[in-house]
Amino acid sequence: MVPCVLLVLVAGCGGKSMTSNPGLDAGTTQDAAPDAPASWSPECPASEPAMGSACTHDNLSCEYPSAAQPGCDDVVVCAGGTWGSAVLPGGNPTCEPHGSSPGCPAQASAITPGATCATAGQTCVYATAICQCDAPADPTPNAMSAWFCGPQAGCPVPRPRIGSACATAGQRCDYLQCGDSVTCMGGIWQVSVAGCGG
């Protein structure tokens, strides 16, 4: 299990975090000015800003389809008046799952969160939840992998695009045990920067 970390500005990074976020590029506007807010966001630019370019909304994170890795997304953050790549728990960019791992139950209701599971890393994608068999946090000889299912009741599925509008201030939604978490801050879904789901 990857430990959760704070959002940090870096020049570039690798790694992937699985999310369920189909249709991410819906609503983007190719002809809009780069710094004009997109139709899907009250604050994020319509197109992915160039790294190192100026920004005015410090601590704002925005998510865009990745040109380098089709099916994945880049997350950028405005820090100190400059756009840069965001380091996320689990890595950056985020990548959509393309279906469930072999051996997943037909329905999410067949999985009991917290129950032991045999195949660490197995991910089961459903219309209402994402369940993952997580390796034990405590590396003792008798520790067992266990199921985590997210998000919490009342959270949108699939995970909302980082930077898109939200309505319930302070609402946190965990889509994986550690990595895919967002919180509604100032009317915008932003990356959760502390703690892990559970």
N, C-alpha and C. Protein backbone atom coordinates (compact mmCIF):
# COMPACT_ATOMS: atom_id res chain seq x y z
N MET A 1 0.85 -1.18 0.00
CA MET A 1 0.00 0.00 0.00
C MET A 1 0.89 1.23 0.00
N VAL A 2 0.59 2.20 -0.87
CA VAL A 2 1.39 3.41 -0.96
C VAL A 2 0.97 4.38 0.13
N PRO A 3 1.90 4.93 0.92
CA PRO A 3 1.50 5.87 1.96
C PRO A 3 0.98 7.15 1.36
N CYS A 4 0.00 7.75 2.03
CA CYS A 4 -0.54 9.01 1.54
C CYS A 4 0.46 10.13 1.83
N VAL A 5 0.56 11.08 0.92
CA VAL A 5 1.49 12.19 1.07
C VAL A 5 0.77 13.48 0.75
N LEU A 6 1.40 14.59 1.10
CA LEU A 6 0.85 15.90 0.78
C LEU A 6 1.07 16.21 -0.68
N LEU A 7 0.20 17.05 -1.24
CA LEU A 7 0.33 17.48 -2.61
C LEU A 7 1.57 18.35 -2.72
N VAL A 8 2.45 18.05 -3.70
CA VAL A 8 3.73 18.73 -3.82
C VAL A 8 3.92 19.16 -5.26
N LEU A 9 4.58 20.27 -5.50
CA LEU A 9 4.90 20.74 -6.84
C LEU A 9 6.22 20.13 -7.28
N VAL A 10 6.23 19.50 -8.49
CA VAL A 10 7.45 18.93 -9.02
C VAL A 10 7.51 19.19 -10.51
N ALA A 11 8.68 18.93 -11.09
CA ALA A 11 8.85 19.14 -12.52
C ALA A 11 8.23 18.01 -13.32
N GLY A 12 8.20 16.82 -12.80
CA GLY A 12 7.62 15.69 -13.51
C GLY A 12 7.67 14.47 -12.63
N CYS A 13 6.84 13.45 -12.92
CA CYS A 13 6.84 12.26 -12.10
C CYS A 13 6.19 11.13 -12.86
N GLY A 14 6.35 9.91 -12.35
CA GLY A 14 5.75 8.74 -12.97
C GLY A 14 4.83 8.07 -12.00
N GLY A 15 4.42 6.85 -12.34
CA GLY A 15 3.54 6.09 -11.47
C GLY A 15 2.11 6.25 -11.90
N LYS A 16 1.26 5.35 -11.44
CA LYS A 16 -0.13 5.38 -11.85
C LYS A 16 -1.03 5.08 -10.67
N SER A 17 -2.21 5.62 -10.71
CA SER A 17 -3.23 5.33 -9.72
C SER A 17 -4.51 5.02 -10.47
N MET A 18 -5.13 3.89 -10.19
CA MET A 18 -6.32 3.51 -10.94
C MET A 18 -7.54 4.26 -10.42
N THR A 19 -8.31 4.81 -11.36
CA THR A 19 -9.54 5.48 -11.01
C THR A 19 -10.61 5.11 -12.01
N SER A 20 -11.83 5.34 -11.63
CA SER A 20 -12.93 5.17 -12.58
C SER A 20 -13.46 6.54 -12.92
N ASN A 21 -13.14 7.04 -14.11
CA ASN A 21 -13.53 8.38 -14.49
C ASN A 21 -13.76 8.48 -15.99
N PRO A 22 -14.73 7.71 -16.53
CA PRO A 22 -14.95 7.74 -17.97
C PRO A 22 -15.43 9.10 -18.44
N GLY A 23 -15.13 9.41 -19.71
CA GLY A 23 -15.60 10.66 -20.29
C GLY A 23 -14.95 11.88 -19.71
N LEU A 24 -13.69 11.74 -19.27
CA LEU A 24 -13.03 12.85 -18.60
C LEU A 24 -12.90 14.07 -19.48
N ASP A 25 -12.67 13.86 -20.79
CA ASP A 25 -12.45 15.02 -21.64
C ASP A 25 -13.75 15.64 -22.15
N ALA A 26 -14.89 15.12 -21.71
CA ALA A 26 -16.16 15.73 -22.09
C ALA A 26 -16.24 17.14 -21.52
N GLY A 27 -16.64 18.08 -22.34
CA GLY A 27 -16.83 19.45 -21.87
C GLY A 27 -15.61 20.33 -22.05
N THR A 28 -14.49 19.79 -22.53
CA THR A 28 -13.35 20.65 -22.78
C THR A 28 -13.60 21.45 -24.04
N THR A 29 -13.05 22.63 -24.12
CA THR A 29 -13.25 23.51 -25.26
C THR A 29 -11.91 23.79 -25.90
N GLN A 30 -11.72 23.34 -27.13
CA GLN A 30 -10.44 23.49 -27.80
C GLN A 30 -10.15 24.94 -28.17
N ASP A 31 -11.19 25.74 -28.45
CA ASP A 31 -10.96 27.10 -28.94
C ASP A 31 -10.90 28.14 -27.82
N ALA A 32 -11.12 27.74 -26.58
CA ALA A 32 -11.12 28.70 -25.48
C ALA A 32 -9.69 29.15 -25.18
N ALA A 33 -9.54 30.36 -24.66
CA ALA A 33 -8.22 30.83 -24.25
C ALA A 33 -7.70 29.94 -23.14
N PRO A 34 -6.37 29.65 -23.11
CA PRO A 34 -5.82 28.72 -22.12
C PRO A 34 -6.13 29.08 -20.68
N ASP A 35 -6.25 30.37 -20.36
CA ASP A 35 -6.48 30.77 -18.98
C ASP A 35 -7.96 31.03 -18.67
N ALA A 36 -8.83 30.81 -19.66
CA ALA A 36 -10.27 30.99 -19.42
C ALA A 36 -10.81 29.76 -18.72
N PRO A 37 -11.69 29.93 -17.70
CA PRO A 37 -12.26 28.76 -17.03
C PRO A 37 -13.00 27.86 -18.02
N ALA A 38 -12.88 26.56 -17.81
CA ALA A 38 -13.53 25.59 -18.68
C ALA A 38 -15.01 25.47 -18.32
N SER A 39 -15.79 24.91 -19.24
CA SER A 39 -17.22 24.72 -18.97
C SER A 39 -17.43 23.71 -17.84
N TRP A 40 -16.48 22.82 -17.61
CA TRP A 40 -16.61 21.81 -16.56
C TRP A 40 -16.10 22.29 -15.21
N SER A 41 -15.45 23.45 -15.17
CA SER A 41 -14.85 23.94 -13.93
C SER A 41 -15.05 25.43 -13.75
N PRO A 42 -15.34 25.88 -12.52
CA PRO A 42 -15.45 27.32 -12.29
C PRO A 42 -14.10 28.03 -12.23
N GLU A 43 -12.99 27.30 -12.14
CA GLU A 43 -11.68 27.93 -11.97
C GLU A 43 -10.60 27.41 -12.92
N CYS A 44 -10.63 26.13 -13.30
CA CYS A 44 -9.55 25.54 -14.10
C CYS A 44 -9.57 26.04 -15.54
N PRO A 45 -8.40 26.22 -16.14
CA PRO A 45 -8.35 26.60 -17.56
C PRO A 45 -8.99 25.53 -18.44
N ALA A 46 -9.48 25.94 -19.61
CA ALA A 46 -10.16 25.01 -20.52
C ALA A 46 -9.21 23.94 -21.02
N SER A 47 -7.96 24.27 -21.24
CA SER A 47 -6.98 23.29 -21.69
C SER A 47 -5.82 23.25 -20.70
N GLU A 48 -5.09 22.15 -20.70
CA GLU A 48 -4.00 21.96 -19.73
C GLU A 48 -2.96 23.06 -19.90
N PRO A 49 -2.65 23.79 -18.83
CA PRO A 49 -1.66 24.86 -18.93
C PRO A 49 -0.24 24.31 -19.07
N ALA A 50 0.63 25.08 -19.70
CA ALA A 50 2.03 24.69 -19.83
C ALA A 50 2.70 24.75 -18.47
N MET A 51 3.55 23.77 -18.20
CA MET A 51 4.28 23.77 -16.94
C MET A 51 5.17 25.01 -16.87
N GLY A 52 5.11 25.70 -15.75
CA GLY A 52 5.90 26.91 -15.57
C GLY A 52 5.18 28.18 -15.97
N SER A 53 4.00 28.05 -16.59
CA SER A 53 3.26 29.24 -16.96
C SER A 53 2.58 29.84 -15.73
N ALA A 54 2.19 31.09 -15.84
CA ALA A 54 1.63 31.81 -14.70
C ALA A 54 0.22 31.35 -14.37
N CYS A 55 -0.12 31.39 -13.08
CA CYS A 55 -1.47 31.10 -12.61
C CYS A 55 -1.80 32.04 -11.45
N THR A 56 -3.08 32.18 -11.17
CA THR A 56 -3.49 33.16 -10.16
C THR A 56 -4.22 32.56 -8.97
N HIS A 57 -4.55 31.27 -9.00
CA HIS A 57 -5.35 30.65 -7.95
C HIS A 57 -4.49 29.62 -7.22
N ASP A 58 -3.63 30.08 -6.30
CA ASP A 58 -2.72 29.17 -5.59
C ASP A 58 -3.47 28.02 -4.93
N ASN A 59 -2.86 26.85 -4.98
CA ASN A 59 -3.36 25.59 -4.41
C ASN A 59 -4.51 24.98 -5.20
N LEU A 60 -4.83 25.53 -6.38
CA LEU A 60 -5.86 24.94 -7.24
C LEU A 60 -5.25 23.78 -8.03
N SER A 61 -5.91 22.61 -7.99
CA SER A 61 -5.50 21.46 -8.79
C SER A 61 -6.54 21.22 -9.87
N CYS A 62 -6.07 20.85 -11.06
CA CYS A 62 -6.94 20.62 -12.21
C CYS A 62 -6.49 19.37 -12.94
N GLU A 63 -7.44 18.63 -13.51
CA GLU A 63 -7.17 17.34 -14.16
C GLU A 63 -7.50 17.40 -15.64
N TYR A 64 -6.58 16.86 -16.47
CA TYR A 64 -6.75 16.89 -17.92
C TYR A 64 -6.36 15.56 -18.53
N PRO A 65 -6.99 15.18 -19.65
CA PRO A 65 -6.55 13.97 -20.34
C PRO A 65 -5.08 14.09 -20.73
N SER A 66 -4.32 13.01 -20.55
CA SER A 66 -2.89 13.02 -20.83
C SER A 66 -2.62 12.77 -22.30
N ALA A 67 -1.87 13.67 -22.92
CA ALA A 67 -1.48 13.47 -24.32
C ALA A 67 -0.42 12.37 -24.42
N ALA A 68 0.41 12.25 -23.40
CA ALA A 68 1.50 11.27 -23.42
C ALA A 68 1.02 9.85 -23.14
N GLN A 69 -0.04 9.71 -22.32
CA GLN A 69 -0.54 8.39 -21.95
C GLN A 69 -2.05 8.35 -22.15
N PRO A 70 -2.51 7.98 -23.35
CA PRO A 70 -3.96 7.91 -23.60
C PRO A 70 -4.66 7.01 -22.58
N GLY A 71 -5.83 7.45 -22.12
CA GLY A 71 -6.55 6.71 -21.09
C GLY A 71 -6.16 7.13 -19.69
N CYS A 72 -5.16 7.98 -19.57
CA CYS A 72 -4.72 8.49 -18.27
C CYS A 72 -4.92 10.01 -18.23
N ASP A 73 -4.76 10.59 -17.07
CA ASP A 73 -4.95 12.02 -16.90
C ASP A 73 -3.76 12.64 -16.18
N ASP A 74 -3.49 13.89 -16.51
CA ASP A 74 -2.47 14.68 -15.81
C ASP A 74 -3.18 15.55 -14.78
N VAL A 75 -2.57 15.69 -13.62
CA VAL A 75 -3.09 16.61 -12.60
C VAL A 75 -2.03 17.69 -12.41
N VAL A 76 -2.45 18.94 -12.56
CA VAL A 76 -1.55 20.07 -12.40
C VAL A 76 -2.01 20.90 -11.21
N VAL A 77 -1.07 21.63 -10.61
CA VAL A 77 -1.40 22.45 -9.44
C VAL A 77 -0.77 23.82 -9.58
N CYS A 78 -1.51 24.83 -9.17
CA CYS A 78 -1.01 26.20 -9.14
C CYS A 78 -0.36 26.43 -7.79
N ALA A 79 0.94 26.69 -7.78
CA ALA A 79 1.66 26.94 -6.52
C ALA A 79 2.66 28.06 -6.74
N GLY A 80 2.59 29.06 -5.90
CA GLY A 80 3.50 30.19 -6.01
C GLY A 80 3.35 30.95 -7.31
N GLY A 81 2.15 30.95 -7.88
CA GLY A 81 1.89 31.68 -9.11
C GLY A 81 2.33 30.98 -10.37
N THR A 82 2.67 29.66 -10.26
CA THR A 82 3.16 28.91 -11.41
C THR A 82 2.50 27.53 -11.48
N TRP A 83 2.15 27.09 -12.70
CA TRP A 83 1.59 25.75 -12.89
C TRP A 83 2.70 24.71 -12.90
N GLY A 84 2.46 23.60 -12.21
CA GLY A 84 3.40 22.49 -12.21
C GLY A 84 2.65 21.18 -12.04
N SER A 85 3.37 20.05 -12.21
CA SER A 85 2.76 18.74 -12.01
C SER A 85 2.52 18.50 -10.53
N ALA A 86 1.46 17.77 -10.22
CA ALA A 86 1.13 17.45 -8.84
C ALA A 86 1.58 16.04 -8.52
N VAL A 87 2.19 15.85 -7.34
CA VAL A 87 2.50 14.51 -6.86
C VAL A 87 1.31 14.04 -6.04
N LEU A 88 0.71 12.95 -6.46
CA LEU A 88 -0.48 12.43 -5.80
C LEU A 88 -0.15 11.15 -5.07
N PRO A 89 -0.89 10.84 -4.01
CA PRO A 89 -0.74 9.51 -3.40
C PRO A 89 -1.01 8.46 -4.47
N GLY A 90 -0.07 7.56 -4.69
CA GLY A 90 -0.24 6.57 -5.74
C GLY A 90 0.41 6.97 -7.05
N GLY A 91 0.83 8.24 -7.18
CA GLY A 91 1.54 8.68 -8.37
C GLY A 91 0.70 9.55 -9.28
N ASN A 92 1.33 10.04 -10.31
CA ASN A 92 0.71 10.90 -11.31
C ASN A 92 1.23 10.45 -12.66
N PRO A 93 0.47 10.30 -13.70
CA PRO A 93 -0.92 10.68 -13.82
C PRO A 93 -1.87 9.62 -13.27
N THR A 94 -3.16 9.96 -13.24
CA THR A 94 -4.18 8.98 -12.85
C THR A 94 -4.62 8.25 -14.11
N CYS A 95 -4.94 6.97 -13.97
CA CYS A 95 -5.32 6.15 -15.12
C CYS A 95 -6.61 5.42 -14.83
N GLU A 96 -7.49 5.40 -15.82
CA GLU A 96 -8.78 4.74 -15.65
C GLU A 96 -8.62 3.23 -15.74
N PRO A 97 -9.36 2.48 -14.92
CA PRO A 97 -9.36 1.03 -15.09
C PRO A 97 -10.18 0.65 -16.32
N HIS A 98 -9.78 -0.39 -16.99
CA HIS A 98 -10.53 -0.85 -18.16
C HIS A 98 -11.19 -2.17 -17.81
N GLY A 99 -12.15 -2.10 -16.88
CA GLY A 99 -12.84 -3.29 -16.44
C GLY A 99 -12.23 -3.86 -15.18
N SER A 100 -12.87 -4.90 -14.66
CA SER A 100 -12.44 -5.52 -13.41
C SER A 100 -11.36 -6.57 -13.65
N SER A 101 -10.61 -6.84 -12.59
CA SER A 101 -9.63 -7.93 -12.62
C SER A 101 -10.38 -9.26 -12.71
N PRO A 102 -9.69 -10.31 -13.19
CA PRO A 102 -10.32 -11.64 -13.22
C PRO A 102 -10.72 -12.08 -11.81
N GLY A 103 -11.84 -12.80 -11.72
CA GLY A 103 -12.27 -13.37 -10.45
C GLY A 103 -13.12 -12.47 -9.59
N CYS A 104 -13.50 -11.29 -10.08
CA CYS A 104 -14.34 -10.38 -9.28
C CYS A 104 -15.76 -10.90 -9.22
N PRO A 105 -16.43 -10.73 -8.07
CA PRO A 105 -17.85 -11.08 -7.98
C PRO A 105 -18.67 -10.26 -8.97
N ALA A 106 -19.84 -10.76 -9.32
CA ALA A 106 -20.68 -10.07 -10.30
C ALA A 106 -21.23 -8.75 -9.77
N GLN A 107 -21.41 -8.65 -8.44
CA GLN A 107 -21.97 -7.44 -7.85
C GLN A 107 -21.14 -6.98 -6.66
N ALA A 108 -21.11 -5.66 -6.44
CA ALA A 108 -20.35 -5.11 -5.31
C ALA A 108 -20.89 -5.61 -3.98
N SER A 109 -22.18 -5.91 -3.92
CA SER A 109 -22.77 -6.37 -2.66
C SER A 109 -22.21 -7.71 -2.20
N ALA A 110 -21.52 -8.42 -3.09
CA ALA A 110 -20.91 -9.70 -2.72
C ALA A 110 -19.58 -9.51 -1.99
N ILE A 111 -19.09 -8.28 -1.95
CA ILE A 111 -17.81 -7.99 -1.28
C ILE A 111 -18.10 -7.30 0.05
N THR A 112 -17.49 -7.79 1.11
CA THR A 112 -17.63 -7.18 2.43
C THR A 112 -16.38 -6.36 2.73
N PRO A 113 -16.50 -5.03 2.79
CA PRO A 113 -15.33 -4.21 3.11
C PRO A 113 -14.70 -4.65 4.43
N GLY A 114 -13.39 -4.76 4.43
CA GLY A 114 -12.66 -5.19 5.63
C GLY A 114 -12.45 -6.68 5.71
N ALA A 115 -13.19 -7.46 4.91
CA ALA A 115 -13.01 -8.92 4.91
C ALA A 115 -11.71 -9.27 4.21
N THR A 116 -11.11 -10.39 4.60
CA THR A 116 -9.86 -10.80 3.98
C THR A 116 -10.09 -11.19 2.53
N CYS A 117 -9.06 -11.01 1.71
CA CYS A 117 -9.10 -11.37 0.30
C CYS A 117 -7.76 -11.98 -0.09
N ALA A 118 -7.75 -12.73 -1.16
CA ALA A 118 -6.58 -13.54 -1.49
C ALA A 118 -5.59 -12.87 -2.44
N THR A 119 -6.06 -11.99 -3.31
CA THR A 119 -5.20 -11.47 -4.38
C THR A 119 -4.98 -9.97 -4.22
N ALA A 120 -3.91 -9.58 -3.54
CA ALA A 120 -3.62 -8.16 -3.36
C ALA A 120 -3.51 -7.48 -4.71
N GLY A 121 -4.16 -6.33 -4.84
CA GLY A 121 -4.15 -5.57 -6.08
C GLY A 121 -5.35 -5.85 -6.96
N GLN A 122 -6.12 -6.90 -6.68
CA GLN A 122 -7.31 -7.18 -7.46
C GLN A 122 -8.27 -6.00 -7.34
N THR A 123 -8.74 -5.49 -8.47
CA THR A 123 -9.62 -4.34 -8.49
C THR A 123 -10.91 -4.71 -9.20
N CYS A 124 -12.02 -4.41 -8.56
CA CYS A 124 -13.35 -4.73 -9.10
C CYS A 124 -14.13 -3.44 -9.29
N VAL A 125 -14.50 -3.16 -10.52
CA VAL A 125 -15.16 -1.91 -10.87
C VAL A 125 -16.65 -2.16 -11.09
N TYR A 126 -17.48 -1.43 -10.36
CA TYR A 126 -18.93 -1.56 -10.47
C TYR A 126 -19.54 -0.19 -10.75
N ALA A 127 -20.81 -0.17 -11.09
CA ALA A 127 -21.48 1.09 -11.38
C ALA A 127 -21.57 2.00 -10.15
N THR A 128 -21.57 1.40 -8.96
CA THR A 128 -21.75 2.18 -7.74
C THR A 128 -20.52 2.22 -6.84
N ALA A 129 -19.47 1.48 -7.19
CA ALA A 129 -18.31 1.39 -6.29
C ALA A 129 -17.10 0.84 -7.02
N ILE A 130 -15.94 1.07 -6.43
CA ILE A 130 -14.70 0.42 -6.82
C ILE A 130 -14.20 -0.31 -5.59
N CYS A 131 -13.94 -1.61 -5.71
CA CYS A 131 -13.43 -2.39 -4.59
C CYS A 131 -12.03 -2.89 -4.94
N GLN A 132 -11.14 -2.85 -3.96
CA GLN A 132 -9.76 -3.27 -4.19
C GLN A 132 -9.28 -4.13 -3.04
N CYS A 133 -8.60 -5.22 -3.40
CA CYS A 133 -7.97 -6.08 -2.40
C CYS A 133 -6.62 -5.48 -2.07
N ASP A 134 -6.51 -4.89 -0.88
CA ASP A 134 -5.30 -4.16 -0.50
C ASP A 134 -4.38 -5.02 0.34
N ALA A 135 -3.09 -4.92 0.05
CA ALA A 135 -2.08 -5.60 0.85
C ALA A 135 -2.16 -5.07 2.28
N PRO A 136 -1.79 -5.88 3.27
CA PRO A 136 -1.90 -5.43 4.66
C PRO A 136 -1.00 -4.24 4.95
N ALA A 137 -1.51 -3.31 5.76
CA ALA A 137 -0.72 -2.15 6.16
C ALA A 137 0.36 -2.56 7.15
N ASP A 138 0.10 -3.60 7.92
CA ASP A 138 1.03 -4.08 8.93
C ASP A 138 1.76 -5.31 8.38
N PRO A 139 3.03 -5.19 8.02
CA PRO A 139 3.73 -6.32 7.39
C PRO A 139 4.19 -7.40 8.38
N THR A 140 3.25 -7.93 9.14
CA THR A 140 3.58 -9.02 10.06
C THR A 140 3.32 -10.35 9.36
N PRO A 141 3.91 -11.45 9.82
CA PRO A 141 3.75 -12.74 9.14
C PRO A 141 2.30 -13.18 9.00
N ASN A 142 1.43 -12.82 9.93
CA ASN A 142 0.04 -13.26 9.89
C ASN A 142 -0.92 -12.24 9.28
N ALA A 143 -0.40 -11.10 8.82
CA ALA A 143 -1.26 -10.07 8.26
C ALA A 143 -1.88 -10.54 6.94
N MET A 144 -3.13 -10.16 6.71
CA MET A 144 -3.85 -10.60 5.52
C MET A 144 -4.29 -9.38 4.70
N SER A 145 -4.40 -9.57 3.39
CA SER A 145 -4.98 -8.53 2.54
C SER A 145 -6.47 -8.41 2.86
N ALA A 146 -7.02 -7.22 2.66
CA ALA A 146 -8.44 -6.99 2.99
C ALA A 146 -9.08 -6.11 1.93
N TRP A 147 -10.40 -6.26 1.77
CA TRP A 147 -11.16 -5.48 0.80
C TRP A 147 -11.40 -4.06 1.29
N PHE A 148 -11.24 -3.10 0.38
CA PHE A 148 -11.69 -1.72 0.58
C PHE A 148 -12.63 -1.41 -0.57
N CYS A 149 -13.78 -0.84 -0.27
CA CYS A 149 -14.72 -0.40 -1.30
C CYS A 149 -15.03 1.08 -1.09
N GLY A 150 -14.99 1.83 -2.15
CA GLY A 150 -15.30 3.24 -2.07
C GLY A 150 -16.18 3.64 -3.24
N PRO A 151 -16.76 4.79 -3.22
CA PRO A 151 -16.61 5.81 -2.20
C PRO A 151 -17.68 5.69 -1.12
N GLN A 152 -17.68 6.65 -0.20
CA GLN A 152 -18.67 6.69 0.87
C GLN A 152 -20.06 7.01 0.30
N ALA A 153 -21.09 6.70 1.07
CA ALA A 153 -22.47 7.00 0.65
C ALA A 153 -22.61 8.48 0.36
N GLY A 154 -23.30 8.80 -0.72
CA GLY A 154 -23.53 10.19 -1.10
C GLY A 154 -22.47 10.77 -2.01
N CYS A 155 -21.38 10.03 -2.25
CA CYS A 155 -20.32 10.50 -3.14
C CYS A 155 -20.64 10.13 -4.58
N PRO A 156 -20.21 10.96 -5.53
CA PRO A 156 -20.48 10.64 -6.93
C PRO A 156 -19.63 9.48 -7.43
N VAL A 157 -20.21 8.69 -8.34
CA VAL A 157 -19.49 7.62 -9.02
C VAL A 157 -19.78 7.80 -10.51
N PRO A 158 -18.74 7.86 -11.35
CA PRO A 158 -17.31 7.70 -11.03
C PRO A 158 -16.75 8.92 -10.31
N ARG A 159 -15.47 8.83 -9.93
CA ARG A 159 -14.81 9.94 -9.24
C ARG A 159 -14.93 11.20 -10.08
N PRO A 160 -15.30 12.33 -9.44
CA PRO A 160 -15.40 13.58 -10.20
C PRO A 160 -14.03 14.07 -10.64
N ARG A 161 -14.01 14.75 -11.73
CA ARG A 161 -12.77 15.32 -12.27
C ARG A 161 -12.23 16.36 -11.30
N ILE A 162 -10.95 16.29 -10.99
CA ILE A 162 -10.32 17.24 -10.09
C ILE A 162 -10.39 18.63 -10.72
N GLY A 163 -10.97 19.56 -9.98
CA GLY A 163 -11.18 20.91 -10.48
C GLY A 163 -12.61 21.19 -10.89
N SER A 164 -13.45 20.13 -10.94
CA SER A 164 -14.86 20.33 -11.31
C SER A 164 -15.66 20.84 -10.12
N ALA A 165 -16.84 21.35 -10.41
CA ALA A 165 -17.68 21.96 -9.37
C ALA A 165 -18.27 20.92 -8.44
N CYS A 166 -18.45 21.29 -7.17
CA CYS A 166 -19.10 20.44 -6.17
C CYS A 166 -19.99 21.31 -5.30
N ALA A 167 -20.90 20.67 -4.55
CA ALA A 167 -21.91 21.44 -3.81
C ALA A 167 -21.80 21.35 -2.30
N THR A 168 -21.21 20.27 -1.76
CA THR A 168 -21.24 20.05 -0.31
C THR A 168 -19.86 20.33 0.28
N ALA A 169 -19.69 21.50 0.87
CA ALA A 169 -18.39 21.89 1.42
C ALA A 169 -17.90 20.87 2.44
N GLY A 170 -16.65 20.46 2.30
CA GLY A 170 -16.04 19.53 3.24
C GLY A 170 -16.30 18.07 2.95
N GLN A 171 -17.15 17.77 1.97
CA GLN A 171 -17.41 16.35 1.64
C GLN A 171 -16.14 15.70 1.11
N ARG A 172 -15.77 14.56 1.71
CA ARG A 172 -14.60 13.81 1.27
C ARG A 172 -15.07 12.49 0.70
N CYS A 173 -14.48 12.11 -0.43
CA CYS A 173 -14.84 10.86 -1.09
C CYS A 173 -13.57 10.08 -1.40
N ASP A 174 -13.49 8.86 -0.85
CA ASP A 174 -12.32 7.99 -1.04
C ASP A 174 -12.69 6.90 -2.04
N TYR A 175 -11.98 6.84 -3.13
CA TYR A 175 -12.27 5.87 -4.18
C TYR A 175 -11.36 4.65 -4.10
N LEU A 176 -10.20 4.80 -3.50
CA LEU A 176 -9.31 3.68 -3.18
C LEU A 176 -8.85 3.88 -1.74
N GLN A 177 -8.28 2.84 -1.15
CA GLN A 177 -7.84 2.91 0.25
C GLN A 177 -6.88 4.07 0.48
N CYS A 178 -5.95 4.25 -0.43
CA CYS A 178 -5.01 5.37 -0.31
C CYS A 178 -4.62 5.81 -1.71
N GLY A 179 -5.02 6.99 -2.10
CA GLY A 179 -4.62 7.47 -3.41
C GLY A 179 -5.69 8.26 -4.11
N ASP A 180 -6.84 7.68 -4.37
CA ASP A 180 -7.89 8.39 -5.09
C ASP A 180 -8.90 8.94 -4.12
N SER A 181 -8.60 10.11 -3.57
CA SER A 181 -9.50 10.78 -2.63
C SER A 181 -9.64 12.23 -3.04
N VAL A 182 -10.87 12.73 -2.99
CA VAL A 182 -11.13 14.13 -3.30
C VAL A 182 -11.98 14.74 -2.21
N THR A 183 -11.84 16.05 -2.01
CA THR A 183 -12.63 16.79 -1.03
C THR A 183 -13.21 18.03 -1.70
N CYS A 184 -14.45 18.35 -1.37
CA CYS A 184 -15.10 19.55 -1.90
C CYS A 184 -14.61 20.76 -1.10
N MET A 185 -13.84 21.62 -1.76
CA MET A 185 -13.27 22.81 -1.11
C MET A 185 -13.56 24.04 -1.96
N GLY A 186 -14.24 25.00 -1.36
CA GLY A 186 -14.54 26.23 -2.08
C GLY A 186 -15.37 26.00 -3.33
N GLY A 187 -16.22 24.97 -3.33
CA GLY A 187 -17.07 24.68 -4.48
C GLY A 187 -16.39 23.93 -5.60
N ILE A 188 -15.17 23.40 -5.31
CA ILE A 188 -14.40 22.69 -6.35
C ILE A 188 -13.85 21.39 -5.76
N TRP A 189 -13.95 20.28 -6.51
CA TRP A 189 -13.33 19.03 -6.06
C TRP A 189 -11.81 19.15 -6.16
N GLN A 190 -11.14 18.91 -5.03
CA GLN A 190 -9.69 18.98 -4.98
C GLN A 190 -9.14 17.69 -4.37
N VAL A 191 -7.85 17.45 -4.59
CA VAL A 191 -7.21 16.25 -4.06
C VAL A 191 -7.19 16.32 -2.55
N SER A 192 -7.57 15.21 -1.89
CA SER A 192 -7.45 15.13 -0.44
C SER A 192 -5.97 14.95 -0.11
N VAL A 193 -5.45 15.76 0.80
CA VAL A 193 -4.01 15.78 1.02
C VAL A 193 -3.56 15.12 2.32
N ALA A 194 -4.46 14.54 3.07
CA ALA A 194 -4.03 13.89 4.32
C ALA A 194 -4.89 12.69 4.59
N GLY A 195 -4.29 11.66 5.12
CA GLY A 195 -5.02 10.47 5.54
C GLY A 195 -5.36 9.56 4.39
N CYS A 196 -5.88 8.39 4.71
CA CYS A 196 -6.29 7.40 3.72
C CYS A 196 -7.71 6.97 4.05
N GLY A 197 -8.41 6.43 3.05
CA GLY A 197 -9.74 5.94 3.26
C GLY A 197 -9.72 4.72 4.15
N GLY A 198 -10.85 4.37 4.72
CA GLY A 198 -10.87 3.18 5.56
C GLY A 198 -12.21 2.96 6.17
